Protein backbone atom coordinates (compact mmCIF):
# COMPACT_ATOMS: atom_id res chain seq x y z
CA MET A 1 -2.32 -4.17 14.52
CA ASN A 2 -4.25 -6.81 16.32
CA SER A 3 -7.75 -6.11 15.10
CA GLU A 4 -9.13 -5.36 11.68
CA CYS A 5 -11.61 -2.91 13.21
CA ALA A 6 -9.02 -1.05 15.29
CA PHE A 7 -8.78 1.75 12.72
CA PRO A 8 -10.41 2.66 9.41
CA ALA A 9 -8.47 1.34 6.43
CA LEU A 10 -9.04 2.23 2.80
CA SER A 11 -9.14 -0.55 0.23
CA VAL A 12 -6.24 -0.41 -2.22
CA ILE A 13 -7.46 -1.07 -5.74
CA GLY A 14 -4.18 -0.54 -7.56
CA TRP A 15 -0.84 1.22 -7.54
CA GLN A 16 1.81 2.74 -9.75
CA VAL A 17 5.53 2.41 -9.05
CA GLY A 18 8.41 3.83 -11.02
CA VAL A 19 11.68 5.70 -11.14
CA VAL A 20 11.91 9.42 -11.82
CA GLU A 21 15.16 10.51 -13.42
CA ASP A 22 15.77 13.55 -11.18
CA LEU A 23 14.92 11.82 -7.89
CA ASP A 24 17.15 9.43 -5.96
CA GLY A 25 14.70 6.65 -5.29
CA VAL A 26 11.40 5.18 -6.33
CA VAL A 27 8.02 6.89 -6.51
CA MET A 28 4.72 5.18 -5.86
CA LYS A 29 1.06 6.03 -5.47
CA PHE A 30 -2.03 4.05 -4.61
CA GLY A 31 -5.51 3.90 -6.07
CA CYS A 32 -7.98 3.70 -3.20
CA SER A 33 -11.67 3.08 -2.62
CA THR A 34 -13.81 4.20 0.29
CA GLY A 35 -15.69 0.90 0.22
CA PRO A 36 -16.48 -2.17 -1.83
CA CYS A 37 -16.72 -1.53 -5.57
CA GLY A 38 -20.23 -0.63 -6.59
CA ALA A 39 -22.84 1.90 -5.68
CA GLY A 40 -21.70 4.48 -3.17
CA ALA A 41 -17.98 3.72 -3.33
CA THR A 42 -15.65 6.60 -4.11
CA THR A 43 -12.29 5.95 -5.72
CA PHE A 44 -9.29 8.26 -5.76
CA ASP A 45 -5.52 8.30 -6.23
CA SER A 46 -3.10 9.17 -3.47
CA PRO A 47 -0.30 11.61 -4.20
CA PHE A 48 3.02 10.17 -5.30
CA PHE A 49 5.41 9.21 -2.51
CA ASN A 50 9.18 9.37 -3.00
CA LEU A 51 11.03 6.53 -1.26
CA THR A 52 14.78 6.22 -0.92
CA PRO A 53 16.35 2.88 -1.87
CA ASP A 54 16.69 2.03 1.86
CA MET A 55 13.03 2.83 2.44
CA VAL A 56 12.04 0.55 -0.46
CA ARG A 57 14.09 -2.31 1.02
CA SER A 58 12.53 -1.73 4.44
CA LEU A 59 9.02 -1.62 2.96
CA ILE A 60 9.61 -4.88 1.07
CA TYR A 61 10.89 -6.51 4.27
CA ASP A 62 7.87 -5.29 6.28
CA LEU A 63 5.42 -6.42 3.60
CA GLU A 64 7.00 -9.88 3.34
CA ARG A 65 6.99 -10.29 7.13
CA SER A 66 3.34 -9.20 7.40
CA LEU A 67 2.35 -11.49 4.53
CA GLN A 68 4.06 -14.45 6.23
CA GLN A 69 2.20 -13.68 9.48
CA HIS A 70 -1.10 -13.50 7.58
CA GLU A 71 -0.48 -16.73 5.68
CA SER A 72 0.52 -18.61 8.83
CA LYS A 73 -2.78 -17.58 10.48
CA VAL A 74 -4.81 -18.64 7.45
CA ALA A 75 -3.07 -22.01 6.95
């Protein structure tokens, strides 16, 4: 993921995360926008995704690593 323009990316405008009693894991969904807030932008919610505990740990690790890379470029 070297370039911001390499692929289209939706803007995340929010999310919901929680535990469902009957599922072994964590569910999450994202609120997305097709563009900057304002005229012409369409917002929608993704479906819920069910993640196992190992997937959640892996996602947290990947997010932290990517954030560190971003912050080191900005600093």
